[in-house]
Protein backbone atom coordinates (compact mmCIF):
# COMPACT_ATOMS: atom_id res chain seq x y z
CA MET A 1 -218.99 52.14 -7.59
CA ALA A 2 -219.40 55.69 -6.89
CA ARG A 3 -222.76 55.93 -7.99
CA ALA A 4 -223.99 52.83 -6.45
CA SER A 5 -222.52 54.26 -3.24
CA ALA A 6 -224.43 57.80 -4.42
CA LEU A 7 -227.85 55.70 -4.94
CA ARG A 8 -227.07 53.66 -1.39
CA ARG A 9 -226.73 57.00 0.23
CA GLU A 10 -230.18 58.46 -1.23
CA LEU A 11 -231.89 55.10 -0.59
CA ARG A 12 -230.99 55.53 3.20
CA ALA A 13 -232.17 58.94 3.48
CA GLY A 14 -235.01 58.28 1.53
CA LEU A 15 -235.73 55.47 4.29
CA ALA A 16 -234.85 57.98 7.54
CA LEU A 17 -238.12 60.23 5.79
CA LEU A 18 -240.31 57.82 5.75
CA PRO A 19 -241.94 57.38 8.99
CA ASP A 20 -242.40 61.39 9.55
CA GLN A 21 -244.55 61.14 5.68
CA ALA A 22 -248.25 61.17 5.68
CA ASP A 23 -250.03 58.23 3.95
CA ASP A 24 -250.03 60.23 0.31
CA GLU A 25 -246.57 61.35 0.71
CA ARG A 26 -245.16 58.09 2.35
CA THR A 27 -247.10 56.25 -1.15
CA GLN A 28 -244.93 58.36 -3.21
CA LEU A 29 -241.88 58.08 -1.43
CA LEU A 30 -242.14 54.51 -1.01
CA ASP A 31 -242.34 54.02 -5.03
CA VAL A 32 -239.27 56.61 -5.83
CA LEU A 33 -237.57 54.14 -3.16
CA VAL A 34 -238.82 51.31 -5.09
CA GLU A 35 -237.16 52.57 -7.80
CA ARG A 36 -233.93 53.60 -6.52
CA ALA A 37 -233.39 50.03 -5.02
CA GLU A 38 -234.09 48.82 -8.51
CA ALA A 39 -231.51 51.15 -10.06
CA LEU A 40 -229.10 50.00 -7.36
CA LEU A 41 -229.62 46.61 -8.16
CA ARG A 42 -229.03 47.05 -11.61
CA THR A 43 -225.82 49.24 -10.54
CA GLU A 44 -224.21 46.55 -8.32
CA LYS A 45 -224.71 44.09 -11.25
CA GLU A 46 -222.64 46.23 -13.45
CA VAL A 47 -220.06 46.91 -11.02
CA ASP A 48 -219.94 42.97 -10.30
CA ALA A 49 -219.57 42.85 -14.07
CA ALA A 50 -216.69 45.70 -14.24
CA VAL A 51 -214.96 43.91 -11.09
CA GLU A 52 -214.65 40.42 -13.20
CA GLN A 53 -213.32 41.83 -15.99
CA VAL A 54 -210.52 43.88 -14.20
CA ARG A 55 -209.87 40.72 -12.29
CA LEU A 56 -209.52 38.87 -15.82
CA ALA A 57 -207.88 41.48 -17.63
CA ARG A 58 -205.15 41.40 -14.82
CA LEU A 59 -204.78 37.25 -15.04
CA GLU A 60 -204.56 37.27 -18.65
CA ALA A 61 -201.64 40.25 -18.42
CA LYS A 62 -200.35 37.72 -15.94
CA ARG A 63 -200.65 34.73 -18.43
CA GLY A 64 -199.10 36.76 -20.99
CA ARG A 65 -195.95 37.89 -18.89
CA ALA A 66 -195.52 34.04 -17.35
CA GLN A 67 -195.79 32.54 -21.00
CA ARG A 68 -193.07 34.95 -22.02
CA THR A 69 -190.71 34.21 -19.22
CA THR A 70 -191.17 30.59 -19.49
CA LEU A 71 -190.42 30.15 -23.10
CA TYR A 72 -187.39 32.36 -22.59
CA LEU A 73 -186.53 29.61 -19.53
CA ALA A 74 -187.31 27.13 -21.77
CA VAL A 75 -184.21 27.66 -24.22
CA ALA A 76 -182.23 26.46 -22.08
CA PRO A 77 -183.45 22.51 -21.44
CA VAL A 78 -184.33 22.31 -24.87
CA ALA A 79 -180.46 23.55 -26.25
CA VAL A 80 -178.93 21.32 -23.38
CA GLY A 81 -181.10 18.15 -24.25
CA MET A 82 -180.58 19.01 -28.36
CA VAL A 83 -176.85 19.70 -27.69
CA SER A 84 -176.45 16.50 -25.43
CA GLY A 85 -178.31 14.24 -28.08
CA ALA A 86 -175.72 15.39 -30.63
CA MET A 87 -173.01 14.45 -28.65
CA MET A 88 -174.34 11.14 -27.95
CA LEU A 89 -175.34 10.71 -31.49
CA PHE A 90 -171.44 11.16 -32.36
CA GLY A 91 -170.49 9.05 -29.70
CA ALA A 92 -168.94 11.82 -27.71
CA LEU A 93 -171.19 11.03 -24.57
CA ASN A 94 -172.69 7.43 -23.68
CA ALA A 95 -176.19 6.53 -23.89
CA ILE A 96 -176.74 6.53 -20.36
CA TRP A 97 -176.78 10.47 -20.44
CA LEU A 98 -179.96 9.61 -22.43
CA LEU A 99 -182.10 9.21 -18.78
CA LEU A 100 -181.13 12.96 -17.71
CA ALA A 101 -181.04 14.58 -21.38
CA LEU A 102 -184.80 12.99 -22.99
CA PRO A 103 -186.80 13.92 -19.72
CA LEU A 104 -184.85 17.33 -19.86
CA LEU A 105 -185.76 17.94 -23.31
CA GLY A 106 -189.39 16.79 -22.93
CA ALA A 107 -189.72 18.87 -20.26
CA GLY A 108 -188.44 21.86 -21.87
CA LEU A 109 -190.99 21.34 -24.95
CA ARG A 110 -193.69 21.18 -22.56
CA ILE A 111 -192.77 24.19 -20.74
CA ALA A 112 -192.34 26.23 -23.81
CA PHE A 113 -195.00 25.07 -26.36
CA GLY A 114 -197.86 23.71 -23.66
CA PRO A 115 -200.67 25.43 -23.00
CA LEU A 116 -201.07 27.37 -20.12
CA GLY A 117 -203.84 26.54 -17.61
CA PRO A 118 -206.37 29.64 -16.84
CA THR A 119 -205.57 29.57 -12.54
CA PRO A 120 -203.04 31.70 -11.37
CA LEU A 121 -202.25 28.71 -9.70
CA MET A 122 -201.51 26.95 -13.11
CA VAL A 123 -199.67 30.08 -13.61
CA ALA A 124 -197.54 30.03 -10.82
CA ARG A 125 -196.93 26.25 -11.40
CA ARG A 126 -195.63 26.99 -14.94
CA GLN A 127 -193.45 29.88 -13.81
CA ARG A 128 -191.38 27.16 -10.97
CA ALA A 129 -191.37 24.38 -13.92
CA GLY A 130 -189.62 27.12 -16.00
CA TYR A 131 -186.83 28.25 -13.46
CA SER A 132 -186.53 24.89 -12.17
CA GLY A 133 -185.87 23.53 -15.76
CA ALA A 134 -183.52 26.37 -16.26
CA LEU A 135 -181.65 25.44 -13.20
CA ALA A 136 -181.71 21.70 -14.49
CA ALA A 137 -180.08 22.81 -17.68
CA ILE A 138 -177.18 24.86 -15.85
CA PHE A 139 -176.28 21.66 -13.74
CA THR A 140 -176.72 19.37 -16.72
CA ALA A 141 -174.22 21.65 -18.95
CA VAL A 142 -171.97 22.00 -15.99
CA ALA A 143 -171.61 18.08 -16.03
CA LEU A 144 -171.41 17.60 -19.39
CA ILE A 145 -168.80 20.12 -19.43
CA GLY A 146 -166.72 18.38 -16.93
CA THR A 147 -165.94 19.83 -13.79
CA GLY A 148 -163.71 17.06 -12.75
CA PRO A 149 -163.72 13.63 -11.28
CA ALA A 150 -165.35 14.45 -7.91
CA ALA A 151 -167.57 17.30 -8.87
CA GLN A 152 -169.29 15.56 -11.97
CA PRO A 153 -171.25 13.22 -9.61
CA ILE A 154 -172.76 15.76 -7.88
CA MET A 155 -173.41 17.59 -10.66
CA VAL A 156 -175.54 14.65 -12.42
CA VAL A 157 -177.29 14.27 -9.30
CA LEU A 158 -178.63 17.95 -8.37
CA ALA A 159 -179.24 17.79 -12.63
CA ALA A 160 -181.24 14.84 -11.73
CA LEU A 161 -183.16 16.49 -8.87
CA ALA A 162 -183.80 19.51 -10.70
CA THR A 163 -185.46 17.77 -13.60
CA VAL A 164 -187.29 15.64 -11.58
CA ALA A 165 -188.69 18.42 -9.76
CA THR A 166 -189.38 20.26 -13.59
CA LEU A 167 -191.44 17.30 -14.12
CA ALA A 168 -193.34 17.29 -10.84
CA PHE A 169 -194.32 20.76 -11.48
CA LEU A 170 -195.51 20.18 -14.86
CA VAL A 171 -197.27 17.16 -13.36
CA GLN A 172 -199.11 19.58 -10.89
CA GLU A 173 -200.10 21.93 -13.02
CA ALA A 174 -201.32 19.62 -15.82
CA ARG A 175 -203.71 18.38 -12.88
């Protein structure tokens, strides 16, 4: 960028001198100015390529952080889904809990192992899905543990809403 700026200054200075020159000197100065303009064009292309590389490197770093974060966040929905499935298998829960456990388990697996999109919007949606999936897992775990007859339906509704929000973020990301 500094080299491009210096070339621009030299080009402007040369253009300012152009009207005061004689014909032979003017022709030589024009040749020099054309060479500087070509060098400026090459330099600006290099600057644009470097800026794009920096942008892509920052996006890749953000994607890496988001992938690690969502992987950690996905542990909760997967664990709660698996534990509630095991509890249903051994008869501790009704089969109606499958309506909550299976989408939660599927969302957790998609958050953890699904490919992460290349755009910042997709990265942000995956992170939102990870956070809402963890929240859904917490609500589901609290509902499974049993908070009392009055609070359990509220926890189930909150868990269902958080699970739907997680699935909605995942669907938006996939678009």
